[in-house]
Amino acid sequence: MLLARVEGNVVATRKHPSLEGWRLVICQPINGAGEPEGVPQVAIDPHGAGLHQRVIISSDGLAARRTVGDDKSPARWMITAIVDEAES
């Protein structure tokens, strides 16, 4: 799992059938100070995260495939939580 920031929406004219109806977002992994760390990832957003919100993303492909209901889905990354506030 990684701390990340939602940077935008993915618009696709064609996508795998298992992803139909699911919102896909670009998530930039960040460190504790909010600075970019690593490469952006495309994630399924079942929670409705807003632009620039901090989220927790998971690379558990099995959980992502179960969420979309297709064992052969190419889904890998998924938002698992929206971060309300950080503790010091």
PDB file of N, CA and C in Angstrom:
ATOM      1  N   MET A   1       0.843  -1.173   0.000  1.00  0.00           N
ATOM      2  CA  MET A   1       0.000   0.000   0.000  1.00  0.00           C
ATOM      3  C   MET A   1       0.888   1.235   0.000  1.00  0.00           C
ATOM      4  N   LEU A   2       0.390   2.276  -0.682  1.00  0.00           N
ATOM      5  CA  LEU A   2       1.132   3.523  -0.792  1.00  0.00           C
ATOM      6  C   LEU A   2       0.225   4.713  -0.503  1.00  0.00           C
ATOM      7  N   LEU A   3       0.814   5.753   0.073  1.00  0.00           N
ATOM      8  CA  LEU A   3       0.140   7.030   0.201  1.00  0.00           C
ATOM      9  C   LEU A   3       0.275   7.719  -1.147  1.00  0.00           C
ATOM     10  N   ALA A   4      -0.821   8.275  -1.657  1.00  0.00           N
ATOM     11  CA  ALA A   4      -0.787   8.897  -2.979  1.00  0.00           C
ATOM     12  C   ALA A   4      -1.736  10.089  -3.018  1.00  0.00           C
ATOM     13  N   ARG A   5      -1.630  10.871  -4.091  1.00  0.00           N
ATOM     14  CA  ARG A   5      -2.513  12.002  -4.326  1.00  0.00           C
ATOM     15  C   ARG A   5      -3.192  11.808  -5.681  1.00  0.00           C
ATOM     16  N   VAL A   6      -4.496  12.032  -5.746  1.00  0.00           N
ATOM     17  CA  VAL A   6      -5.230  11.907  -7.004  1.00  0.00           C
ATOM     18  C   VAL A   6      -4.877  13.104  -7.884  1.00  0.00           C
ATOM     19  N   GLU A   7      -4.353  12.816  -9.063  1.00  0.00           N
ATOM     20  CA  GLU A   7      -3.899  13.878  -9.967  1.00  0.00           C
ATOM     21  C   GLU A   7      -4.834  14.101 -11.151  1.00  0.00           C
ATOM     22  N   GLY A   8      -5.728  13.176 -11.441  1.00  0.00           N
ATOM     23  CA  GLY A   8      -6.642  13.367 -12.564  1.00  0.00           C
ATOM     24  C   GLY A   8      -7.433  12.116 -12.874  1.00  0.00           C
ATOM     25  N   ASN A   9      -8.347  12.259 -13.819  1.00  0.00           N
ATOM     26  CA  ASN A   9      -9.178  11.148 -14.276  1.00  0.00           C
ATOM     27  C   ASN A   9      -8.594  10.548 -15.539  1.00  0.00           C
ATOM     28  N   VAL A  10      -8.849   9.279 -15.747  1.00  0.00           N
ATOM     29  CA  VAL A  10      -8.457   8.604 -16.985  1.00  0.00           C
ATOM     30  C   VAL A  10      -9.692   8.556 -17.880  1.00  0.00           C
ATOM     31  N   VAL A  11      -9.530   9.011 -19.114  1.00  0.00           N
ATOM     32  CA  VAL A  11     -10.607   8.950 -20.097  1.00  0.00           C
ATOM     33  C   VAL A  11     -10.182   7.935 -21.148  1.00  0.00           C
ATOM     34  N   ALA A  12     -11.015   6.929 -21.374  1.00  0.00           N
ATOM     35  CA  ALA A  12     -10.680   5.872 -22.329  1.00  0.00           C
ATOM     36  C   ALA A  12     -11.865   5.615 -23.245  1.00  0.00           C
ATOM     37  N   THR A  13     -11.621   5.649 -24.542  1.00  0.00           N
ATOM     38  CA  THR A  13     -12.690   5.342 -25.488  1.00  0.00           C
ATOM     39  C   THR A  13     -12.899   3.835 -25.589  1.00  0.00           C
ATOM     40  N   ARG A  14     -11.845   3.073 -25.285  1.00  0.00           N
ATOM     41  CA  ARG A  14     -11.940   1.610 -25.242  1.00  0.00           C
ATOM     42  C   ARG A  14     -11.210   1.128 -24.009  1.00  0.00           C
ATOM     43  N   LYS A  15     -11.824   0.199 -23.313  1.00  0.00           N
ATOM     44  CA  LYS A  15     -11.171  -0.398 -22.151  1.00  0.00           C
ATOM     45  C   LYS A  15     -11.696  -1.804 -21.959  1.00  0.00           C
ATOM     46  N   HIS A  16     -11.013  -2.559 -21.129  1.00  0.00           N
ATOM     47  CA  HIS A  16     -11.410  -3.932 -20.849  1.00  0.00           C
ATOM     48  C   HIS A  16     -12.851  -3.936 -20.329  1.00  0.00           C
ATOM     49  N   PRO A  17     -13.672  -4.886 -20.767  1.00  0.00           N
ATOM     50  CA  PRO A  17     -15.078  -4.927 -20.341  1.00  0.00           C
ATOM     51  C   PRO A  17     -15.266  -4.923 -18.818  1.00  0.00           C
ATOM     52  N   SER A  18     -14.329  -5.494 -18.080  1.00  0.00           N
ATOM     53  CA  SER A  18     -14.461  -5.546 -16.617  1.00  0.00           C
ATOM     54  C   SER A  18     -14.354  -4.164 -15.978  1.00  0.00           C
ATOM     55  N   LEU A  19     -13.820  -3.191 -16.700  1.00  0.00           N
ATOM     56  CA  LEU A  19     -13.646  -1.848 -16.147  1.00  0.00           C
ATOM     57  C   LEU A  19     -14.781  -0.897 -16.525  1.00  0.00           C
ATOM     58  N   GLU A  20     -15.731  -1.386 -17.324  1.00  0.00           N
ATOM     59  CA  GLU A  20     -16.886  -0.562 -17.691  1.00  0.00           C
ATOM     60  C   GLU A  20     -17.645  -0.160 -16.423  1.00  0.00           C
ATOM     61  N   GLY A  21     -17.942   1.119 -16.308  1.00  0.00           N
ATOM     62  CA  GLY A  21     -18.684   1.625 -15.154  1.00  0.00           C
ATOM     63  C   GLY A  21     -17.817   1.982 -13.964  1.00  0.00           C
ATOM     64  N   TRP A  22     -16.536   1.698 -14.020  1.00  0.00           N
ATOM     65  CA  TRP A  22     -15.629   2.021 -12.922  1.00  0.00           C
ATOM     66  C   TRP A  22     -14.860   3.292 -13.238  1.00  0.00           C
ATOM     67  N   ARG A  23     -14.702   4.156 -12.264  1.00  0.00           N
ATOM     68  CA  ARG A  23     -13.925   5.371 -12.422  1.00  0.00           C
ATOM     69  C   ARG A  23     -12.450   5.009 -12.262  1.00  0.00           C
ATOM     70  N   LEU A  24     -11.638   5.451 -13.214  1.00  0.00           N
ATOM     71  CA  LEU A  24     -10.199   5.244 -13.158  1.00  0.00           C
ATOM     72  C   LEU A  24      -9.529   6.595 -12.944  1.00  0.00           C
ATOM     73  N   VAL A  25      -8.572   6.639 -12.028  1.00  0.00           N
ATOM     74  CA  VAL A  25      -7.877   7.891 -11.714  1.00  0.00           C
ATOM     75  C   VAL A  25      -6.366   7.691 -11.751  1.00  0.00           C
ATOM     76  N   ILE A  26      -5.663   8.783 -11.970  1.00  0.00           N
ATOM     77  CA  ILE A  26      -4.201   8.772 -11.921  1.00  0.00           C
ATOM     78  C   ILE A  26      -3.798   9.159 -10.507  1.00  0.00           C
ATOM     79  N   CYS A  27      -3.025   8.303  -9.854  1.00  0.00           N
ATOM     80  CA  CYS A  27      -2.579   8.534  -8.479  1.00  0.00           C
ATOM     81  C   CYS A  27      -1.058   8.652  -8.448  1.00  0.00           C
ATOM     82  N   GLN A  28      -0.570   9.766  -7.908  1.00  0.00           N
ATOM     83  CA  GLN A  28       0.860   9.988  -7.761  1.00  0.00           C
ATOM     84  C   GLN A  28       1.273   9.592  -6.348  1.00  0.00           C
ATOM     85  N   PRO A  29       2.086   8.535  -6.193  1.00  0.00           N
ATOM     86  CA  PRO A  29       2.579   8.200  -4.854  1.00  0.00           C
ATOM     87  C   PRO A  29       3.347   9.382  -4.263  1.00  0.00           C
ATOM     88  N   ILE A  30       3.172   9.616  -2.961  1.00  0.00           N
ATOM     89  CA  ILE A  30       3.838  10.726  -2.279  1.00  0.00           C
ATOM     90  C   ILE A  30       4.454  10.229  -0.973  1.00  0.00           C
ATOM     91  N   ASN A  31       5.396  11.023  -0.453  1.00  0.00           N
ATOM     92  CA  ASN A  31       5.974  10.693   0.854  1.00  0.00           C
ATOM     93  C   ASN A  31       5.170  11.415   1.935  1.00  0.00           C
ATOM     94  N   GLY A  32       5.603  11.303   3.165  1.00  0.00           N
ATOM     95  CA  GLY A  32       4.889  11.914   4.283  1.00  0.00           C
ATOM     96  C   GLY A  32       4.786  13.424   4.195  1.00  0.00           C
ATOM     97  N   ALA A  33       5.731  14.061   3.495  1.00  0.00           N
ATOM     98  CA  ALA A  33       5.716  15.515   3.326  1.00  0.00           C
ATOM     99  C   ALA A  33       4.867  15.949   2.135  1.00  0.00           C
ATOM    100  N   GLY A  34       4.310  14.988   1.398  1.00  0.00           N
ATOM    101  CA  GLY A  34       3.473  15.304   0.249  1.00  0.00           C
ATOM    102  C   GLY A  34       4.230  15.480  -1.049  1.00  0.00           C
ATOM    103  N   GLU A  35       5.523  15.130  -1.056  1.00  0.00           N
ATOM    104  CA  GLU A  35       6.331  15.262  -2.270  1.00  0.00           C
ATOM    105  C   GLU A  35       6.214  13.994  -3.116  1.00  0.00           C
ATOM    106  N   PRO A  36       6.206  14.135  -4.453  1.00  0.00           N
ATOM    107  CA  PRO A  36       6.103  12.963  -5.327  1.00  0.00           C
ATOM    108  C   PRO A  36       7.208  11.948  -5.064  1.00  0.00           C
ATOM    109  N   GLU A  37       6.834  10.685  -5.126  1.00  0.00           N
ATOM    110  CA  GLU A  37       7.780   9.606  -4.866  1.00  0.00           C
ATOM    111  C   GLU A  37       7.378   8.409  -5.735  1.00  0.00           C
ATOM    112  N   GLY A  38       8.117   8.169  -6.789  1.00  0.00           N
ATOM    113  CA  GLY A  38       7.783   7.062  -7.673  1.00  0.00           C
ATOM    114  C   GLY A  38       6.964   7.522  -8.862  1.00  0.00           C
ATOM    115  N   VAL A  39       6.513   6.544  -9.634  1.00  0.00           N
ATOM    116  CA  VAL A  39       5.771   6.842 -10.862  1.00  0.00           C
ATOM    117  C   VAL A  39       4.266   6.810 -10.604  1.00  0.00           C
ATOM    118  N   PRO A  40       3.501   7.647 -11.321  1.00  0.00           N
ATOM    119  CA  PRO A  40       2.045   7.630 -11.165  1.00  0.00           C
ATOM    120  C   PRO A  40       1.456   6.277 -11.562  1.00  0.00           C
ATOM    121  N   GLN A  41       0.335   5.934 -10.944  1.00  0.00           N
ATOM    122  CA  GLN A  41      -0.350   4.668 -11.210  1.00  0.00           C
ATOM    123  C   GLN A  41      -1.808   4.952 -11.553  1.00  0.00           C
ATOM    124  N   VAL A  42      -2.380   4.135 -12.422  1.00  0.00           N
ATOM    125  CA  VAL A  42      -3.811   4.206 -12.713  1.00  0.00           C
ATOM    126  C   VAL A  42      -4.508   3.259 -11.743  1.00  0.00           C
ATOM    127  N   ALA A  43      -5.504   3.777 -11.036  1.00  0.00           N
ATOM    128  CA  ALA A  43      -6.182   2.979 -10.020  1.00  0.00           C
ATOM    129  C   ALA A  43      -7.698   3.054 -10.194  1.00  0.00           C
ATOM    130  N   ILE A  44      -8.370   1.984  -9.809  1.00  0.00           N
ATOM    131  CA  ILE A  44      -9.830   1.967  -9.740  1.00  0.00           C
ATOM    132  C   ILE A  44     -10.221   2.777  -8.514  1.00  0.00           C
ATOM    133  N   ASP A  45     -11.256   3.598  -8.650  1.00  0.00           N
ATOM    134  CA  ASP A  45     -11.695   4.435  -7.521  1.00  0.00           C
ATOM    135  C   ASP A  45     -13.120   4.079  -7.107  1.00  0.00           C
ATOM    136  N   PRO A  46     -13.288   3.139  -6.192  1.00  0.00           N
ATOM    137  CA  PRO A  46     -14.634   2.792  -5.737  1.00  0.00           C
ATOM    138  C   PRO A  46     -15.175   3.745  -4.669  1.00  0.00           C
ATOM    139  N   HIS A  47     -14.350   4.733  -4.229  1.00  0.00           N
ATOM    140  CA  HIS A  47     -14.747   5.608  -3.120  1.00  0.00           C
ATOM    141  C   HIS A  47     -15.117   7.025  -3.537  1.00  0.00           C
ATOM    142  N   GLY A  48     -14.853   7.416  -4.784  1.00  0.00           N
ATOM    143  CA  GLY A  48     -15.188   8.758  -5.236  1.00  0.00           C
ATOM    144  C   GLY A  48     -14.244   9.826  -4.733  1.00  0.00           C
ATOM    145  N   ALA A  49     -12.956   9.541  -4.727  1.00  0.00           N
ATOM    146  CA  ALA A  49     -11.963  10.513  -4.262  1.00  0.00           C
ATOM    147  C   ALA A  49     -11.943  11.736  -5.174  1.00  0.00           C
ATOM    148  N   GLY A  50     -11.722  12.891  -4.585  1.00  0.00           N
ATOM    149  CA  GLY A  50     -11.673  14.133  -5.337  1.00  0.00           C
ATOM    150  C   GLY A  50     -10.262  14.436  -5.831  1.00  0.00           C
ATOM    151  N   LEU A  51     -10.182  15.356  -6.772  1.00  0.00           N
ATOM    152  CA  LEU A  51      -8.906  15.788  -7.319  1.00  0.00           C
ATOM    153  C   LEU A  51      -8.025  16.344  -6.205  1.00  0.00           C
ATOM    154  N   HIS A  52      -6.786  15.922  -6.154  1.00  0.00           N
ATOM    155  CA  HIS A  52      -5.759  16.330  -5.182  1.00  0.00           C
ATOM    156  C   HIS A  52      -5.987  15.789  -3.771  1.00  0.00           C
ATOM    157  N   GLN A  53      -6.954  14.908  -3.589  1.00  0.00           N
ATOM    158  CA  GLN A  53      -7.129  14.292  -2.274  1.00  0.00           C
ATOM    159  C   GLN A  53      -6.050  13.251  -2.054  1.00  0.00           C
ATOM    160  N   ARG A  54      -5.644  13.112  -0.792  1.00  0.00           N
ATOM    161  CA  ARG A  54      -4.702  12.053  -0.430  1.00  0.00           C
ATOM    162  C   ARG A  54      -5.478  10.757  -0.239  1.00  0.00           C
ATOM    163  N   VAL A  55      -4.917   9.684  -0.777  1.00  0.00           N
ATOM    164  CA  VAL A  55      -5.566   8.375  -0.730  1.00  0.00           C
ATOM    165  C   VAL A  55      -4.534   7.304  -0.405  1.00  0.00           C
ATOM    166  N   ILE A  56      -5.022   6.143  -0.054  1.00  0.00           N
ATOM    167  CA  ILE A  56      -4.173   4.958   0.094  1.00  0.00           C
ATOM    168  C   ILE A  56      -4.495   4.063  -1.093  1.00  0.00           C
ATOM    169  N   ILE A  57      -3.453   3.687  -1.855  1.00  0.00           N
ATOM    170  CA  ILE A  57      -3.666   2.780  -2.984  1.00  0.00           C
ATOM    171  C   ILE A  57      -2.983   1.450  -2.687  1.00  0.00           C
ATOM    172  N   SER A  58      -3.580   0.393  -3.199  1.00  0.00           N
ATOM    173  CA  SER A  58      -3.059  -0.953  -2.994  1.00  0.00           C
ATOM    174  C   SER A  58      -2.814  -1.609  -4.344  1.00  0.00           C
ATOM    175  N   SER A  59      -1.721  -2.362  -4.433  1.00  0.00           N
ATOM    176  CA  SER A  59      -1.410  -3.085  -5.668  1.00  0.00           C
ATOM    177  C   SER A  59      -1.861  -4.544  -5.590  1.00  0.00           C
ATOM    178  N   ASP A  60      -2.803  -4.829  -4.693  1.00  0.00           N
ATOM    179  CA  ASP A  60      -3.331  -6.186  -4.545  1.00  0.00           C
ATOM    180  C   ASP A  60      -4.264  -6.477  -5.719  1.00  0.00           C
ATOM    181  N   GLY A  61      -3.713  -7.054  -6.770  1.00  0.00           N
ATOM    182  CA  GLY A  61      -4.477  -7.334  -7.981  1.00  0.00           C
ATOM    183  C   GLY A  61      -5.664  -8.245  -7.746  1.00  0.00           C
ATOM    184  N   LEU A  62      -5.529  -9.210  -6.854  1.00  0.00           N
ATOM    185  CA  LEU A  62      -6.640 -10.123  -6.568  1.00  0.00           C
ATOM    186  C   LEU A  62      -7.821  -9.348  -5.999  1.00  0.00           C
ATOM    187  N   ALA A  63      -7.568  -8.444  -5.064  1.00  0.00           N
ATOM    188  CA  ALA A  63      -8.649  -7.637  -4.485  1.00  0.00           C
ATOM    189  C   ALA A  63      -9.283  -6.744  -5.545  1.00  0.00           C
ATOM    190  N   ALA A  64      -8.471  -6.164  -6.421  1.00  0.00           N
ATOM    191  CA  ALA A  64      -8.994  -5.305  -7.491  1.00  0.00           C
ATOM    192  C   ALA A  64      -9.861  -6.119  -8.450  1.00  0.00           C
ATOM    193  N   ARG A  65      -9.408  -7.313  -8.806  1.00  0.00           N
ATOM    194  CA  ARG A  65     -10.192  -8.161  -9.719  1.00  0.00           C
ATOM    195  C   ARG A  65     -11.497  -8.612  -9.071  1.00  0.00           C
ATOM    196  N   ARG A  66     -11.458  -8.891  -7.780  1.00  0.00           N
ATOM    197  CA  ARG A  66     -12.695  -9.272  -7.083  1.00  0.00           C
ATOM    198  C   ARG A  66     -13.656  -8.086  -7.003  1.00  0.00           C
ATOM    199  N   THR A  67     -13.113  -6.889  -6.839  1.00  0.00           N
ATOM    200  CA  THR A  67     -13.954  -5.695  -6.777  1.00  0.00           C
ATOM    201  C   THR A  67     -14.714  -5.488  -8.074  1.00  0.00           C
ATOM    202  N   VAL A  68     -14.039  -5.671  -9.215  1.00  0.00           N
ATOM    203  CA  VAL A  68     -14.705  -5.477 -10.511  1.00  0.00           C
ATOM    204  C   VAL A  68     -15.477  -6.723 -10.934  1.00  0.00           C
ATOM    205  N   GLY A  69     -15.282  -7.833 -10.226  1.00  0.00           N
ATOM    206  CA  GLY A  69     -16.054  -9.041 -10.495  1.00  0.00           C
ATOM    207  C   GLY A  69     -15.613  -9.850 -11.695  1.00  0.00           C
ATOM    208  N   ASP A  70     -14.302  -9.807 -12.010  1.00  0.00           N
ATOM    209  CA  ASP A  70     -13.796 -10.551 -13.168  1.00  0.00           C
ATOM    210  C   ASP A  70     -12.380 -11.043 -12.860  1.00  0.00           C
ATOM    211  N   ASP A  71     -12.221 -12.369 -12.768  1.00  0.00           N
ATOM    212  CA  ASP A  71     -10.912 -12.954 -12.443  1.00  0.00           C
ATOM    213  C   ASP A  71      -9.868 -12.730 -13.533  1.00  0.00           C
ATOM    214  N   LYS A  72     -10.294 -12.353 -14.729  1.00  0.00           N
ATOM    215  CA  LYS A  72      -9.361 -12.128 -15.826  1.00  0.00           C
ATOM    216  C   LYS A  72      -9.140 -10.643 -16.122  1.00  0.00           C
ATOM    217  N   SER A  73      -9.622  -9.776 -15.245  1.00  0.00           N
ATOM    218  CA  SER A  73      -9.479  -8.334 -15.421  1.00  0.00           C
ATOM    219  C   SER A  73      -8.008  -7.915 -15.315  1.00  0.00           C
ATOM    220  N   PRO A  74      -7.598  -6.901 -16.079  1.00  0.00           N
ATOM    221  CA  PRO A  74      -6.235  -6.397 -15.967  1.00  0.00           C
ATOM    222  C   PRO A  74      -6.056  -5.440 -14.778  1.00  0.00           C
ATOM    223  N   ALA A  75      -7.096  -5.257 -13.970  1.00  0.00           N
ATOM    224  CA  ALA A  75      -7.031  -4.333 -12.833  1.00  0.00           C
ATOM    225  C   ALA A  75      -5.952  -4.759 -11.846  1.00  0.00           C
ATOM    226  N   ARG A  76      -5.177  -3.788 -11.384  1.00  0.00           N
ATOM    227  CA  ARG A  76      -4.168  -4.079 -10.381  1.00  0.00           C
ATOM    228  C   ARG A  76      -4.237  -3.102  -9.220  1.00  0.00           C
ATOM    229  N   TRP A  77      -4.187  -1.795  -9.493  1.00  0.00           N
ATOM    230  CA  TRP A  77      -4.190  -0.795  -8.430  1.00  0.00           C
ATOM    231  C   TRP A  77      -5.620  -0.376  -8.102  1.00  0.00           C
ATOM    232  N   MET A  78      -5.868  -0.114  -6.815  1.00  0.00           N
ATOM    233  CA  MET A  78      -7.195   0.292  -6.372  1.00  0.00           C
ATOM    234  C   MET A  78      -7.049   1.221  -5.169  1.00  0.00           C
ATOM    235  N   ILE A  79      -7.890   2.240  -5.127  1.00  0.00           N
ATOM    236  CA  ILE A  79      -7.931   3.107  -3.944  1.00  0.00           C
ATOM    237  C   ILE A  79      -8.649   2.335  -2.849  1.00  0.00           C
ATOM    238  N   THR A  80      -7.979   2.193  -1.715  1.00  0.00           N
ATOM    239  CA  THR A  80      -8.585   1.457  -0.599  1.00  0.00           C
ATOM    240  C   THR A  80      -9.100   2.383   0.490  1.00  0.00           C
ATOM    241  N   ALA A  81      -8.642   3.650   0.496  1.00  0.00           N
ATOM    242  CA  ALA A  81      -9.083   4.591   1.527  1.00  0.00           C
ATOM    243  C   ALA A  81      -8.793   6.016   1.093  1.00  0.00           C
ATOM    244  N   ILE A  82      -9.599   6.944   1.604  1.00  0.00           N
ATOM    245  CA  ILE A  82      -9.345   8.373   1.436  1.00  0.00           C
ATOM    246  C   ILE A  82      -8.812   8.864   2.773  1.00  0.00           C
ATOM    247  N   VAL A  83      -7.696   9.592   2.738  1.00  0.00           N
ATOM    248  CA  VAL A  83      -7.060  10.085   3.961  1.00  0.00           C
ATOM    249  C   VAL A  83      -7.717  11.403   4.371  1.00  0.00           C
ATOM    250  N   ASP A  84      -8.346  11.422   5.541  1.00  0.00           N
ATOM    251  CA  ASP A  84      -8.988  12.647   6.043  1.00  0.00           C
ATOM    252  C   ASP A  84      -7.962  13.600   6.632  1.00  0.00           C
ATOM    253  N   GLU A  85      -7.097  13.074   7.491  1.00  0.00           N
ATOM    254  CA  GLU A  85      -6.056  13.888   8.104  1.00  0.00           C
ATOM    255  C   GLU A  85      -4.901  12.993   8.514  1.00  0.00           C
ATOM    256  N   ALA A  86      -3.741  13.575   8.603  1.00  0.00           N
ATOM    257  CA  ALA A  86      -2.542  12.807   8.974  1.00  0.00           C
ATOM    258  C   ALA A  86      -2.208  13.070  10.436  1.00  0.00           C
ATOM    259  N   GLU A  87      -1.799  12.029  11.132  1.00  0.00           N
ATOM    260  CA  GLU A  87      -1.357  12.200  12.529  1.00  0.00           C
ATOM    261  C   GLU A  87       0.134  12.452  12.536  1.00  0.00           C
ATOM    262  N   SER A  88       0.580  13.240  13.475  1.00  0.00           N
ATOM    263  CA  SER A  88       2.023  13.534  13.574  1.00  0.00           C
ATOM    264  C   SER A  88       2.713  12.574  14.492  1.00  0.00           C
TER     265      SER A  88
END
